[in-house]
Amino acid sequence: MEMGLKIVLGMMMLFFAWRMWPAAKHQFKHGPKGTSNDWMTYGLLMGGVVVFVLILMKMV
């Protein structure tokens, strides 16, 4: 990509992050909080994904 396109894309990314910040801040403050059971389930799922990807890498 030429430099002008990289600059425009970078500016667009900054603009989108700037526009999403108030909604994300509100959601973090007022959104639902996870229980320890929710986090345990999340950890098991992510561990399963990691194991699956490692198995796929071993097969290649």
N, C-alpha and C. Protein backbone atom coordinates (compact mmCIF):
# COMPACT_ATOMS: atom_id res chain seq x y z
N MET A 1 0.84 -1.18 0.00
CA MET A 1 0.00 0.00 0.00
C MET A 1 0.88 1.24 0.00
N GLU A 2 0.40 2.25 -0.63
CA GLU A 2 1.18 3.48 -0.61
C GLU A 2 0.95 4.22 0.71
N MET A 3 1.83 5.12 1.00
CA MET A 3 1.85 5.77 2.30
C MET A 3 0.56 6.54 2.60
N GLY A 4 -0.01 7.20 1.61
CA GLY A 4 -1.24 7.97 1.83
C GLY A 4 -2.39 7.09 2.29
N LEU A 5 -2.50 5.90 1.70
CA LEU A 5 -3.55 4.97 2.09
C LEU A 5 -3.34 4.47 3.51
N LYS A 6 -2.09 4.22 3.89
CA LYS A 6 -1.79 3.79 5.25
C LYS A 6 -2.17 4.87 6.26
N ILE A 7 -1.90 6.12 5.93
CA ILE A 7 -2.23 7.23 6.82
C ILE A 7 -3.74 7.36 6.98
N VAL A 8 -4.47 7.26 5.86
CA VAL A 8 -5.93 7.37 5.92
C VAL A 8 -6.52 6.22 6.73
N LEU A 9 -6.04 5.00 6.54
CA LEU A 9 -6.54 3.86 7.30
C LEU A 9 -6.23 4.01 8.79
N GLY A 10 -5.06 4.50 9.12
CA GLY A 10 -4.71 4.74 10.52
C GLY A 10 -5.61 5.79 11.15
N MET A 11 -5.91 6.85 10.40
CA MET A 11 -6.79 7.89 10.92
C MET A 11 -8.21 7.34 11.12
N MET A 12 -8.66 6.49 10.21
CA MET A 12 -9.99 5.89 10.36
C MET A 12 -10.05 4.99 11.59
N MET A 13 -9.00 4.22 11.83
CA MET A 13 -8.97 3.35 13.01
C MET A 13 -9.01 4.18 14.28
N LEU A 14 -8.26 5.26 14.34
CA LEU A 14 -8.29 6.14 15.51
C LEU A 14 -9.66 6.77 15.70
N PHE A 15 -10.29 7.17 14.61
CA PHE A 15 -11.63 7.76 14.69
C PHE A 15 -12.63 6.75 15.25
N PHE A 16 -12.59 5.51 14.75
CA PHE A 16 -13.52 4.49 15.23
C PHE A 16 -13.29 4.18 16.70
N ALA A 17 -12.03 4.10 17.11
CA ALA A 17 -11.74 3.84 18.53
C ALA A 17 -12.25 5.01 19.38
N TRP A 18 -12.07 6.22 18.91
CA TRP A 18 -12.53 7.41 19.64
C TRP A 18 -14.05 7.42 19.76
N ARG A 19 -14.76 7.00 18.69
CA ARG A 19 -16.22 6.97 18.70
C ARG A 19 -16.77 5.86 19.60
N MET A 20 -16.06 4.74 19.71
CA MET A 20 -16.55 3.62 20.51
C MET A 20 -16.23 3.75 22.00
N TRP A 21 -15.30 4.61 22.36
CA TRP A 21 -14.85 4.71 23.74
C TRP A 21 -15.98 5.00 24.74
N PRO A 22 -16.88 5.98 24.50
CA PRO A 22 -17.94 6.24 25.50
C PRO A 22 -18.86 5.04 25.72
N ALA A 23 -19.23 4.33 24.66
CA ALA A 23 -20.10 3.16 24.81
C ALA A 23 -19.38 2.04 25.57
N ALA A 24 -18.11 1.83 25.27
CA ALA A 24 -17.34 0.80 25.97
C ALA A 24 -17.18 1.15 27.45
N LYS A 25 -16.94 2.41 27.75
CA LYS A 25 -16.79 2.85 29.14
C LYS A 25 -18.09 2.63 29.91
N HIS A 26 -19.21 2.97 29.29
CA HIS A 26 -20.51 2.77 29.94
C HIS A 26 -20.77 1.28 30.16
N GLN A 27 -20.45 0.45 29.18
CA GLN A 27 -20.70 -0.98 29.31
C GLN A 27 -19.83 -1.59 30.42
N PHE A 28 -18.58 -1.17 30.52
CA PHE A 28 -17.72 -1.68 31.58
C PHE A 28 -18.26 -1.31 32.96
N LYS A 29 -18.80 -0.10 33.08
CA LYS A 29 -19.29 0.37 34.37
C LYS A 29 -20.64 -0.26 34.73
N HIS A 30 -21.55 -0.37 33.76
CA HIS A 30 -22.92 -0.79 34.05
C HIS A 30 -23.27 -2.17 33.52
N GLY A 31 -22.36 -2.84 32.85
CA GLY A 31 -22.65 -4.14 32.27
C GLY A 31 -22.67 -5.26 33.30
N PRO A 32 -23.11 -6.44 32.88
CA PRO A 32 -23.15 -7.56 33.82
C PRO A 32 -21.75 -8.02 34.20
N LYS A 33 -21.62 -8.45 35.43
CA LYS A 33 -20.32 -8.94 35.93
C LYS A 33 -20.34 -10.46 35.89
N GLY A 34 -19.21 -11.05 35.56
CA GLY A 34 -19.12 -12.50 35.49
C GLY A 34 -18.91 -13.11 36.87
N THR A 35 -19.53 -14.26 37.07
CA THR A 35 -19.32 -15.00 38.32
C THR A 35 -18.10 -15.90 38.15
N SER A 36 -17.66 -16.52 39.23
CA SER A 36 -16.50 -17.41 39.13
C SER A 36 -16.81 -18.60 38.24
N ASN A 37 -18.07 -19.04 38.22
CA ASN A 37 -18.45 -20.14 37.34
C ASN A 37 -18.35 -19.72 35.87
N ASP A 38 -18.73 -18.50 35.56
CA ASP A 38 -18.61 -17.99 34.19
C ASP A 38 -17.15 -17.97 33.75
N TRP A 39 -16.27 -17.50 34.62
CA TRP A 39 -14.86 -17.42 34.28
C TRP A 39 -14.23 -18.80 34.15
N MET A 40 -14.69 -19.77 34.96
CA MET A 40 -14.18 -21.14 34.85
C MET A 40 -14.58 -21.73 33.50
N THR A 41 -15.82 -21.51 33.09
CA THR A 41 -16.28 -21.99 31.79
C THR A 41 -15.49 -21.35 30.67
N TYR A 42 -15.24 -20.05 30.77
CA TYR A 42 -14.45 -19.35 29.77
C TYR A 42 -13.04 -19.93 29.68
N GLY A 43 -12.44 -20.16 30.81
CA GLY A 43 -11.08 -20.72 30.83
C GLY A 43 -11.03 -22.11 30.21
N LEU A 44 -12.02 -22.94 30.51
CA LEU A 44 -12.06 -24.28 29.92
C LEU A 44 -12.24 -24.22 28.40
N LEU A 45 -13.11 -23.33 27.95
CA LEU A 45 -13.32 -23.19 26.51
C LEU A 45 -12.06 -22.70 25.80
N MET A 46 -11.39 -21.71 26.37
CA MET A 46 -10.17 -21.19 25.75
C MET A 46 -9.07 -22.24 25.78
N GLY A 47 -8.99 -23.01 26.86
CA GLY A 47 -8.03 -24.11 26.92
C GLY A 47 -8.31 -25.14 25.85
N GLY A 48 -9.58 -25.45 25.63
CA GLY A 48 -9.95 -26.38 24.57
C GLY A 48 -9.56 -25.87 23.19
N VAL A 49 -9.73 -24.59 22.96
CA VAL A 49 -9.33 -24.00 21.68
C VAL A 49 -7.83 -24.11 21.49
N VAL A 50 -7.06 -23.83 22.54
CA VAL A 50 -5.60 -23.91 22.45
C VAL A 50 -5.17 -25.35 22.16
N VAL A 51 -5.77 -26.30 22.85
CA VAL A 51 -5.42 -27.71 22.62
C VAL A 51 -5.78 -28.11 21.19
N PHE A 52 -6.94 -27.68 20.71
CA PHE A 52 -7.35 -28.00 19.34
C PHE A 52 -6.37 -27.42 18.32
N VAL A 53 -5.95 -26.17 18.51
CA VAL A 53 -5.01 -25.57 17.58
C VAL A 53 -3.66 -26.29 17.63
N LEU A 54 -3.20 -26.68 18.82
CA LEU A 54 -1.95 -27.42 18.93
C LEU A 54 -2.05 -28.77 18.22
N ILE A 55 -3.18 -29.44 18.33
CA ILE A 55 -3.36 -30.70 17.63
C ILE A 55 -3.31 -30.48 16.12
N LEU A 56 -3.96 -29.44 15.66
CA LEU A 56 -3.94 -29.13 14.22
C LEU A 56 -2.52 -28.84 13.75
N MET A 57 -1.74 -28.12 14.57
CA MET A 57 -0.36 -27.80 14.19
C MET A 57 0.50 -29.05 14.14
N LYS A 58 0.26 -30.00 15.04
CA LYS A 58 1.02 -31.25 15.03
C LYS A 58 0.72 -32.12 13.81
N MET A 59 -0.51 -31.99 13.29
CA MET A 59 -0.91 -32.79 12.15
C MET A 59 -0.28 -32.34 10.85
N VAL A 60 0.20 -31.12 10.81
CA VAL A 60 0.77 -30.57 9.56
C VAL A 60 2.22 -30.95 9.43
